[in-house]
């Protein structure tokens, strides 16, 4: 494995940890839950003639989901990068003996 590859993997592991901290932060979790609840309740309470409002609320709800999913993807990518680094280190150790 080349040094740039290792550096990239280490960067992904670092980003993963930051994403994990964000997803485990009670304020972040509360914000995501509150926004989802607000947008879904507001969406359900729109009137028959409020198509524009429904579309905007649906879009807002989807954006909140995308933000949360992005954090999860960063975290999962970091897990894979960590595993790759561990496998590489094990292969190096195995070659030394």
Protein backbone atom coordinates (compact mmCIF):
# COMPACT_ATOMS: atom_id res chain seq x y z
CA UNK A 1 0.00 0.00 0.00
CA UNK A 2 1.38 3.38 -0.97
CA UNK A 3 1.75 6.25 1.52
CA UNK A 4 -0.97 8.38 -0.17
CA UNK A 5 -3.37 5.43 0.17
CA UNK A 6 -2.56 5.09 3.86
CA UNK A 7 -2.99 8.84 4.37
CA UNK A 8 -6.37 8.77 2.65
CA UNK A 9 -7.52 5.82 4.76
CA UNK A 10 -6.33 7.52 7.95
CA UNK A 11 -8.23 10.65 6.93
CA UNK A 12 -11.39 8.59 6.38
CA UNK A 13 -10.97 7.00 9.82
CA UNK A 14 -10.63 10.46 11.37
CA UNK A 15 -13.72 11.75 9.54
CA UNK A 16 -15.59 8.65 10.66
CA UNK A 17 -14.84 9.38 14.29
CA UNK A 18 -16.06 12.96 13.89
CA UNK A 19 -19.26 11.74 12.23
CA UNK A 20 -19.77 9.20 15.03
CA UNK A 21 -19.37 11.94 17.61
CA UNK A 22 -21.93 14.05 15.77
CA UNK A 23 -24.42 11.20 15.53
CA UNK A 24 -23.99 10.39 19.21
CA UNK A 25 -24.28 14.02 20.30
CA UNK A 26 -27.63 14.37 22.12
CA UNK A 27 -28.19 17.89 20.76
CA UNK A 28 -27.61 16.76 17.17
CA UNK A 29 -29.87 13.72 17.64
CA UNK A 30 -32.55 15.91 19.21
CA UNK A 31 -32.33 18.41 16.36
CA UNK A 32 -32.71 15.70 13.71
CA UNK A 33 -35.65 14.11 15.54
CA UNK A 34 -37.36 17.45 16.15
CA UNK A 35 -36.99 18.54 12.54
CA UNK A 36 -38.33 15.25 11.22
CA UNK A 37 -41.27 15.44 13.61
CA UNK A 38 -41.97 19.09 12.77
CA UNK A 39 -41.86 18.55 9.01
CA UNK A 40 -43.90 15.34 9.05
CA UNK A 41 -46.59 16.79 11.32
CA UNK A 42 -46.75 19.98 9.31
CA UNK A 43 -46.97 17.96 6.11
CA UNK A 44 -49.89 15.95 7.46
CA UNK A 45 -51.67 19.10 8.60
CA UNK A 46 -51.62 20.89 5.26
CA UNK A 47 -54.90 21.67 3.59
CA UNK A 48 -56.16 20.37 0.29
CA UNK A 49 -55.15 23.53 -1.56
CA UNK A 50 -51.65 23.78 -0.04
CA UNK A 51 -49.72 21.79 -2.61
CA UNK A 52 -46.75 24.19 -2.61
CA UNK A 53 -46.46 23.99 1.18
CA UNK A 54 -46.61 20.17 1.06
CA UNK A 55 -43.87 20.03 -1.55
CA UNK A 56 -41.62 22.33 0.48
CA UNK A 57 -42.24 20.39 3.68
CA UNK A 58 -41.58 17.09 1.92
CA UNK A 59 -38.35 18.51 0.50
CA UNK A 60 -37.27 19.80 3.92
CA UNK A 61 -37.94 16.38 5.48
CA UNK A 62 -35.90 14.69 2.73
CA UNK A 63 -32.99 17.10 3.26
CA UNK A 64 -32.88 16.29 6.98
CA UNK A 65 -32.78 12.59 6.07
CA UNK A 66 -29.98 13.22 3.56
CA UNK A 67 -27.88 15.05 6.16
CA UNK A 68 -28.32 12.22 8.65
CA UNK A 69 -27.56 9.62 5.97
CA UNK A 70 -24.43 11.50 4.93
CA UNK A 71 -23.09 11.28 8.49
CA UNK A 72 -23.85 7.55 8.54
CA UNK A 73 -22.08 7.01 5.21
CA UNK A 74 -18.98 8.85 6.44
CA UNK A 75 -19.00 6.69 9.55
CA UNK A 76 -19.34 3.45 7.55
CA UNK A 77 -16.62 4.47 5.10
CA UNK A 78 -14.31 5.09 8.04
CA UNK A 79 -15.05 1.66 9.46
CA UNK A 80 -14.04 0.08 6.16
CA UNK A 81 -10.90 2.24 5.99
CA UNK A 82 -9.95 1.20 9.52
CA UNK A 83 -10.37 -2.45 8.60
CA UNK A 84 -8.20 -1.96 5.50
CA UNK A 85 -5.47 -0.31 7.57
CA UNK A 86 -5.59 -3.11 10.13
CA UNK A 87 -5.35 -5.73 7.38
CA UNK A 88 -2.40 -3.90 5.85
CA UNK A 89 -0.62 -3.67 9.21
CA UNK A 90 -1.19 -7.38 9.82
CA UNK A 91 0.22 -8.24 6.40
CA UNK A 92 3.31 -6.11 7.12
CA UNK A 93 3.79 -7.83 10.49
CA UNK A 94 3.41 -11.22 8.82
CA UNK A 95 6.13 -10.38 6.32
CA UNK A 96 8.61 -9.41 9.04
CA UNK A 97 8.69 -12.90 10.54
